[in-house]
PDB file of N, CA and C in Angstrom:
ATOM      1  N   UNK A   1       0.897  -1.172  -0.022  1.00  0.00           N
ATOM      2  CA  UNK A   1      -0.021  -0.027   0.003  1.00  0.00           C
ATOM      3  C   UNK A   1       0.870   1.246   0.000  1.00  0.00           C
ATOM      4  N   UNK A   2       2.084   1.173  -0.468  1.00  0.00           N
ATOM      5  CA  UNK A   2       2.917   2.457  -0.576  1.00  0.00           C
ATOM      6  C   UNK A   2       3.137   3.014   0.739  1.00  0.00           C
ATOM      7  N   UNK A   3       3.188   4.306   0.801  1.00  0.00           N
ATOM      8  CA  UNK A   3       3.423   5.067   1.992  1.00  0.00           C
ATOM      9  C   UNK A   3       2.280   5.413   2.806  1.00  0.00           C
ATOM     10  N   UNK A   4       1.146   5.052   2.206  1.00  0.00           N
ATOM     11  CA  UNK A   4      -0.116   5.237   2.988  1.00  0.00           C
ATOM     12  C   UNK A   4      -0.543   6.613   3.190  1.00  0.00           C
ATOM     13  N   UNK A   5      -0.295   7.445   2.137  1.00  0.00           N
ATOM     14  CA  UNK A   5      -0.750   8.870   2.212  1.00  0.00           C
ATOM     15  C   UNK A   5      -2.299   8.820   2.100  1.00  0.00           C
ATOM     16  N   UNK A   6      -2.837  10.021   2.537  1.00  0.00           N
ATOM     17  CA  UNK A   6      -4.247  10.122   2.585  1.00  0.00           C
ATOM     18  C   UNK A   6      -4.959   9.936   1.186  1.00  0.00           C
ATOM     19  N   UNK A   7      -4.210  10.349   0.140  1.00  0.00           N
ATOM     20  CA  UNK A   7      -4.735  10.226  -1.247  1.00  0.00           C
ATOM     21  C   UNK A   7      -4.790   8.790  -1.685  1.00  0.00           C
ATOM     22  N   UNK A   8      -3.729   8.122  -1.317  1.00  0.00           N
ATOM     23  CA  UNK A   8      -3.582   6.727  -1.621  1.00  0.00           C
ATOM     24  C   UNK A   8      -4.602   5.824  -0.962  1.00  0.00           C
ATOM     25  N   UNK A   9      -4.835   6.137   0.257  1.00  0.00           N
ATOM     26  CA  UNK A   9      -5.737   5.372   1.102  1.00  0.00           C
ATOM     27  C   UNK A   9      -7.167   5.704   0.529  1.00  0.00           C
ATOM     28  N   UNK A  10      -7.476   6.970   0.129  1.00  0.00           N
ATOM     29  CA  UNK A  10      -8.725   7.355  -0.512  1.00  0.00           C
ATOM     30  C   UNK A  10      -9.011   6.732  -1.678  1.00  0.00           C
ATOM     31  N   UNK A  11      -7.930   6.520  -2.588  1.00  0.00           N
ATOM     32  CA  UNK A  11      -7.938   5.888  -3.825  1.00  0.00           C
ATOM     33  C   UNK A  11      -8.365   4.373  -3.690  1.00  0.00           C
ATOM     34  N   UNK A  12      -7.599   3.841  -2.706  1.00  0.00           N
ATOM     35  CA  UNK A  12      -7.879   2.292  -2.637  1.00  0.00           C
ATOM     36  C   UNK A  12      -9.218   2.183  -1.948  1.00  0.00           C
ATOM     37  N   UNK A  13      -9.616   2.902  -1.057  1.00  0.00           N
ATOM     38  CA  UNK A  13     -11.003   2.835  -0.457  1.00  0.00           C
ATOM     39  C   UNK A  13     -12.029   2.988  -1.471  1.00  0.00           C
ATOM     40  N   UNK A  14     -11.797   4.116  -2.326  1.00  0.00           N
ATOM     41  CA  UNK A  14     -12.945   4.457  -3.153  1.00  0.00           C
ATOM     42  C   UNK A  14     -13.084   3.446  -4.329  1.00  0.00           C
ATOM     43  N   UNK A  15     -12.173   2.421  -4.423  1.00  0.00           N
ATOM     44  CA  UNK A  15     -12.452   1.476  -5.492  1.00  0.00           C
ATOM     45  C   UNK A  15     -13.420   0.369  -4.949  1.00  0.00           C
ATOM     46  N   UNK A  16     -13.918   0.393  -3.751  1.00  0.00           N
ATOM     47  CA  UNK A  16     -14.755  -0.577  -3.284  1.00  0.00           C
ATOM     48  C   UNK A  16     -15.900   0.358  -2.555  1.00  0.00           C
ATOM     49  N   UNK A  17     -17.212  -0.106  -2.897  1.00  0.00           N
ATOM     50  CA  UNK A  17     -18.322   0.655  -2.358  1.00  0.00           C
ATOM     51  C   UNK A  17     -18.367   0.624  -0.836  1.00  0.00           C
ATOM     52  N   UNK A  18     -17.973  -0.409  -0.100  1.00  0.00           N
ATOM     53  CA  UNK A  18     -17.882  -0.545   1.312  1.00  0.00           C
ATOM     54  C   UNK A  18     -16.833   0.454   1.899  1.00  0.00           C
ATOM     55  N   UNK A  19     -15.723   0.562   1.082  1.00  0.00           N
ATOM     56  CA  UNK A  19     -14.625   1.321   1.410  1.00  0.00           C
ATOM     57  C   UNK A  19     -15.026   2.875   1.350  1.00  0.00           C
ATOM     58  N   UNK A  20     -15.824   3.079   0.323  1.00  0.00           N
ATOM     59  CA  UNK A  20     -16.268   4.471   0.119  1.00  0.00           C
ATOM     60  C   UNK A  20     -17.210   4.981   1.290  1.00  0.00           C
ATOM     61  N   UNK A  21     -17.952   4.039   1.767  1.00  0.00           N
ATOM     62  CA  UNK A  21     -18.765   4.327   3.008  1.00  0.00           C
ATOM     63  C   UNK A  21     -17.913   4.417   4.211  1.00  0.00           C
ATOM     64  N   UNK A  22     -16.912   3.741   4.209  1.00  0.00           N
ATOM     65  CA  UNK A  22     -15.843   3.777   5.460  1.00  0.00           C
ATOM     66  C   UNK A  22     -15.263   5.186   5.318  1.00  0.00           C
ATOM     67  N   UNK A  23     -14.855   5.719   4.177  1.00  0.00           N
ATOM     68  CA  UNK A  23     -14.285   6.848   4.018  1.00  0.00           C
ATOM     69  C   UNK A  23     -15.215   8.014   4.373  1.00  0.00           C
ATOM     70  N   UNK A  24     -16.353   7.843   3.994  1.00  0.00           N
ATOM     71  CA  UNK A  24     -17.439   8.825   4.212  1.00  0.00           C
ATOM     72  C   UNK A  24     -17.727   8.911   5.757  1.00  0.00           C
ATOM     73  N   UNK A  25     -17.732   7.817   6.451  1.00  0.00           N
ATOM     74  CA  UNK A  25     -17.929   7.767   7.859  1.00  0.00           C
ATOM     75  C   UNK A  25     -16.791   8.431   8.577  1.00  0.00           C
ATOM     76  N   UNK A  26     -15.585   8.192   8.122  1.00  0.00           N
ATOM     77  CA  UNK A  26     -14.372   8.663   8.848  1.00  0.00           C
ATOM     78  C   UNK A  26     -14.483  10.242   8.611  1.00  0.00           C
ATOM     79  N   UNK A  27     -14.816  10.637   7.438  1.00  0.00           N
ATOM     80  CA  UNK A  27     -14.840  12.107   7.068  1.00  0.00           C
ATOM     81  C   UNK A  27     -15.828  12.748   7.905  1.00  0.00           C
ATOM     82  N   UNK A  28     -17.028  12.243   8.016  1.00  0.00           N
ATOM     83  CA  UNK A  28     -18.205  12.751   8.799  1.00  0.00           C
ATOM     84  C   UNK A  28     -17.675  12.736  10.318  1.00  0.00           C
ATOM     85  N   UNK A  29     -17.021  11.813  10.824  1.00  0.00           N
ATOM     86  CA  UNK A  29     -16.531  11.733  12.184  1.00  0.00           C
ATOM     87  C   UNK A  29     -15.612  12.848  12.401  1.00  0.00           C
ATOM     88  N   UNK A  30     -14.723  13.155  11.445  1.00  0.00           N
ATOM     89  CA  UNK A  30     -13.766  14.242  11.650  1.00  0.00           C
ATOM     90  C   UNK A  30     -14.683  15.582  11.700  1.00  0.00           C
ATOM     91  N   UNK A  31     -15.591  15.734  10.789  1.00  0.00           N
ATOM     92  CA  UNK A  31     -16.408  16.931  10.845  1.00  0.00           C
ATOM     93  C   UNK A  31     -17.116  17.267  12.212  1.00  0.00           C
ATOM     94  N   UNK A  32     -17.540  16.009  12.775  1.00  0.00           N
ATOM     95  CA  UNK A  32     -18.315  15.966  14.025  1.00  0.00           C
ATOM     96  C   UNK A  32     -17.364  16.437  15.049  1.00  0.00           C
ATOM     97  N   UNK A  33     -16.047  16.110  15.050  1.00  0.00           N
ATOM     98  CA  UNK A  33     -15.200  16.645  16.053  1.00  0.00           C
ATOM     99  C   UNK A  33     -15.016  18.097  15.893  1.00  0.00           C
ATOM    100  N   UNK A  34     -14.855  18.462  14.606  1.00  0.00           N
ATOM    101  CA  UNK A  34     -14.560  19.955  14.409  1.00  0.00           C
ATOM    102  C   UNK A  34     -15.762  20.925  14.566  1.00  0.00           C
ATOM    103  N   UNK A  35     -16.821  20.457  14.212  1.00  0.00           N
ATOM    104  CA  UNK A  35     -18.197  21.159  14.235  1.00  0.00           C
ATOM    105  C   UNK A  35     -19.166  20.389  14.954  1.00  0.00           C
ATOM    106  N   UNK A  36     -19.031  20.222  16.304  1.00  0.00           N
ATOM    107  CA  UNK A  36     -20.075  19.519  17.052  1.00  0.00           C
ATOM    108  C   UNK A  36     -21.402  20.096  16.850  1.00  0.00           C
ATOM    109  N   UNK A  37     -21.618  21.349  16.650  1.00  0.00           N
ATOM    110  CA  UNK A  37     -22.947  22.060  16.601  1.00  0.00           C
ATOM    111  C   UNK A  37     -23.687  21.491  15.429  1.00  0.00           C
ATOM    112  N   UNK A  38     -22.932  21.097  14.408  1.00  0.00           N
ATOM    113  CA  UNK A  38     -23.692  20.489  13.118  1.00  0.00           C
ATOM    114  C   UNK A  38     -24.498  19.226  13.575  1.00  0.00           C
ATOM    115  N   UNK A  39     -24.033  18.489  14.467  1.00  0.00           N
ATOM    116  CA  UNK A  39     -24.496  17.156  14.918  1.00  0.00           C
ATOM    117  C   UNK A  39     -25.488  17.307  15.907  1.00  0.00           C
ATOM    118  N   UNK A  40     -25.851  18.557  16.538  1.00  0.00           N
ATOM    119  CA  UNK A  40     -26.920  18.653  17.453  1.00  0.00           C
ATOM    120  C   UNK A  40     -28.318  18.357  16.944  1.00  0.00           C
ATOM    121  N   UNK A  41     -28.521  18.712  15.753  1.00  0.00           N
ATOM    122  CA  UNK A  41     -29.795  18.441  15.062  1.00  0.00           C
ATOM    123  C   UNK A  41     -29.491  17.523  13.827  1.00  0.00           C
ATOM    124  N   UNK A  42     -30.429  16.716  13.583  1.00  0.00           N
ATOM    125  CA  UNK A  42     -30.217  15.658  12.440  1.00  0.00           C
ATOM    126  C   UNK A  42     -30.241  16.315  11.142  1.00  0.00           C
ATOM    127  N   UNK A  43     -30.811  17.571  10.994  1.00  0.00           N
ATOM    128  CA  UNK A  43     -30.780  18.213   9.625  1.00  0.00           C
ATOM    129  C   UNK A  43     -29.412  18.639   9.443  1.00  0.00           C
ATOM    130  N   UNK A  44     -28.657  19.044  10.384  1.00  0.00           N
ATOM    131  CA  UNK A  44     -27.238  19.373  10.125  1.00  0.00           C
ATOM    132  C   UNK A  44     -26.422  18.193   9.723  1.00  0.00           C
ATOM    133  N   UNK A  45     -26.870  17.091  10.240  1.00  0.00           N
ATOM    134  CA  UNK A  45     -26.009  15.820   9.894  1.00  0.00           C
ATOM    135  C   UNK A  45     -26.430  15.560   8.512  1.00  0.00           C
ATOM    136  N   UNK A  46     -27.572  15.412   8.100  1.00  0.00           N
ATOM    137  CA  UNK A  46     -27.968  15.162   6.732  1.00  0.00           C
ATOM    138  C   UNK A  46     -27.378  16.087   5.753  1.00  0.00           C
ATOM    139  N   UNK A  47     -27.350  17.394   6.109  1.00  0.00           N
ATOM    140  CA  UNK A  47     -26.730  18.330   5.290  1.00  0.00           C
ATOM    141  C   UNK A  47     -25.249  18.004   5.123  1.00  0.00           C
ATOM    142  N   UNK A  48     -24.594  17.671   6.151  1.00  0.00           N
ATOM    143  CA  UNK A  48     -23.123  17.327   6.115  1.00  0.00           C
ATOM    144  C   UNK A  48     -22.944  16.141   5.324  1.00  0.00           C
ATOM    145  N   UNK A  49     -23.763  15.011   5.573  1.00  0.00           N
ATOM    146  CA  UNK A  49     -23.543  13.837   4.589  1.00  0.00           C
ATOM    147  C   UNK A  49     -23.775  14.236   3.110  1.00  0.00           C
ATOM    148  N   UNK A  50     -24.783  14.922   2.942  1.00  0.00           N
ATOM    149  CA  UNK A  50     -25.131  15.371   1.481  1.00  0.00           C
ATOM    150  C   UNK A  50     -23.946  16.093   0.861  1.00  0.00           C
ATOM    151  N   UNK A  51     -23.381  17.008   1.696  1.00  0.00           N
ATOM    152  CA  UNK A  51     -22.116  17.788   1.078  1.00  0.00           C
ATOM    153  C   UNK A  51     -21.064  16.720   0.906  1.00  0.00           C
ATOM    154  N   UNK A  52     -20.822  15.792   1.776  1.00  0.00           N
ATOM    155  CA  UNK A  52     -19.835  14.812   1.720  1.00  0.00           C
ATOM    156  C   UNK A  52     -20.073  14.020   0.327  1.00  0.00           C
ATOM    157  N   UNK A  53     -21.215  13.562   0.198  1.00  0.00           N
ATOM    158  CA  UNK A  53     -21.602  12.723  -1.017  1.00  0.00           C
ATOM    159  C   UNK A  53     -21.354  13.490  -2.177  1.00  0.00           C
ATOM    160  N   UNK A  54     -21.784  14.703  -2.366  1.00  0.00           N
ATOM    161  CA  UNK A  54     -21.560  15.461  -3.397  1.00  0.00           C
ATOM    162  C   UNK A  54     -20.147  15.750  -3.628  1.00  0.00           C
ATOM    163  N   UNK A  55     -19.264  15.912  -2.663  1.00  0.00           N
ATOM    164  CA  UNK A  55     -17.824  16.123  -2.821  1.00  0.00           C
ATOM    165  C   UNK A  55     -17.311  14.877  -3.313  1.00  0.00           C
ATOM    166  N   UNK A  56     -17.743  13.780  -2.797  1.00  0.00           N
ATOM    167  CA  UNK A  56     -17.001  12.361  -3.299  1.00  0.00           C
ATOM    168  C   UNK A  56     -17.400  12.230  -4.655  1.00  0.00           C
ATOM    169  N   UNK A  57     -18.590  12.495  -5.095  1.00  0.00           N
ATOM    170  CA  UNK A  57     -19.026  12.245  -6.495  1.00  0.00           C
ATOM    171  C   UNK A  57     -18.113  13.113  -7.468  1.00  0.00           C
ATOM    172  N   UNK A  58     -17.880  14.357  -7.041  1.00  0.00           N
ATOM    173  CA  UNK A  58     -17.006  15.277  -7.834  1.00  0.00           C
ATOM    174  C   UNK A  58     -15.638  14.778  -7.821  1.00  0.00           C
ATOM    175  N   UNK A  59     -15.045  14.222  -6.774  1.00  0.00           N
ATOM    176  CA  UNK A  59     -13.766  13.713  -6.732  1.00  0.00           C
ATOM    177  C   UNK A  59     -13.624  12.548  -7.701  1.00  0.00           C
ATOM    178  N   UNK A  60     -14.574  11.519  -7.464  1.00  0.00           N
ATOM    179  CA  UNK A  60     -14.400  10.406  -8.317  1.00  0.00           C
ATOM    180  C   UNK A  60     -14.648  10.610  -9.707  1.00  0.00           C
ATOM    181  N   UNK A  61     -15.477  11.740 -10.134  1.00  0.00           N
ATOM    182  CA  UNK A  61     -15.691  12.078 -11.490  1.00  0.00           C
ATOM    183  C   UNK A  61     -14.291  12.614 -12.073  1.00  0.00           C
ATOM    184  N   UNK A  62     -13.703  13.457 -11.198  1.00  0.00           N
ATOM    185  CA  UNK A  62     -12.356  14.107 -11.604  1.00  0.00           C
ATOM    186  C   UNK A  62     -11.373  13.097 -11.737  1.00  0.00           C
ATOM    187  N   UNK A  63     -11.266  12.060 -10.855  1.00  0.00           N
ATOM    188  CA  UNK A  63     -10.254  11.003 -10.967  1.00  0.00           C
ATOM    189  C   UNK A  63     -10.504  10.204 -12.304  1.00  0.00           C
ATOM    190  N   UNK A  64     -11.889   9.874 -12.588  1.00  0.00           N
ATOM    191  CA  UNK A  64     -12.157   9.060 -13.627  1.00  0.00           C
ATOM    192  C   UNK A  64     -11.891   9.853 -14.968  1.00  0.00           C
ATOM    193  N   UNK A  65     -12.235  11.100 -15.069  1.00  0.00           N
ATOM    194  CA  UNK A  65     -11.809  11.779 -16.372  1.00  0.00           C
ATOM    195  C   UNK A  65     -10.364  12.006 -16.523  1.00  0.00           C
ATOM    196  N   UNK A  66      -9.673  12.190 -15.377  1.00  0.00           N
ATOM    197  CA  UNK A  66      -8.212  12.256 -15.444  1.00  0.00           C
ATOM    198  C   UNK A  66      -7.645  10.883 -16.006  1.00  0.00           C
ATOM    199  N   UNK A  67      -8.111   9.826 -15.504  1.00  0.00           N
ATOM    200  CA  UNK A  67      -7.540   8.495 -16.008  1.00  0.00           C
ATOM    201  C   UNK A  67      -7.902   8.358 -17.392  1.00  0.00           C
ATOM    202  N   UNK A  68      -9.208   8.674 -17.894  1.00  0.00           N
ATOM    203  CA  UNK A  68      -9.468   8.468 -19.317  1.00  0.00           C
ATOM    204  C   UNK A  68      -8.618   9.385 -20.111  1.00  0.00           C
ATOM    205  N   UNK A  69      -8.335  10.620 -19.720  1.00  0.00           N
ATOM    206  CA  UNK A  69      -7.540  11.502 -20.431  1.00  0.00           C
ATOM    207  C   UNK A  69      -6.106  10.980 -20.593  1.00  0.00           C
ATOM    208  N   UNK A  70      -5.570  10.379 -19.555  1.00  0.00           N
ATOM    209  CA  UNK A  70      -4.176   9.805 -19.552  1.00  0.00           C
ATOM    210  C   UNK A  70      -4.317   8.601 -20.486  1.00  0.00           C
ATOM    211  N   UNK A  71      -5.253   7.789 -20.452  1.00  0.00           N
ATOM    212  CA  UNK A  71      -5.330   6.555 -21.275  1.00  0.00           C
ATOM    213  C   UNK A  71      -5.334   7.006 -22.805  1.00  0.00           C
ATOM    214  N   UNK A  72      -6.155   7.976 -23.184  1.00  0.00           N
ATOM    215  CA  UNK A  72      -6.002   8.408 -24.501  1.00  0.00           C
ATOM    216  C   UNK A  72      -4.729   8.967 -25.001  1.00  0.00           C
ATOM    217  N   UNK A  73      -3.989   9.540 -24.008  1.00  0.00           N
ATOM    218  CA  UNK A  73      -2.570   9.980 -24.240  1.00  0.00           C
ATOM    219  C   UNK A  73      -2.640  11.178 -25.293  1.00  0.00           C
TER     220      UNK A  73
END
């Protein structure tokens, strides 16, 4: 697994749906530590997860298009 950088771990985890959920859970756990007030009401939690999912989709799409671009050469 190389040097285990965050990007490397995220890439490996994102290659499996379960891993993606794990990364999502870890990410929202970090947010909960930084912004506990978000988790006081469930609406804030849902908004946070929605933000995370949107961000994840963007990252996955960016990685996918980069790989496609590199393949075409």
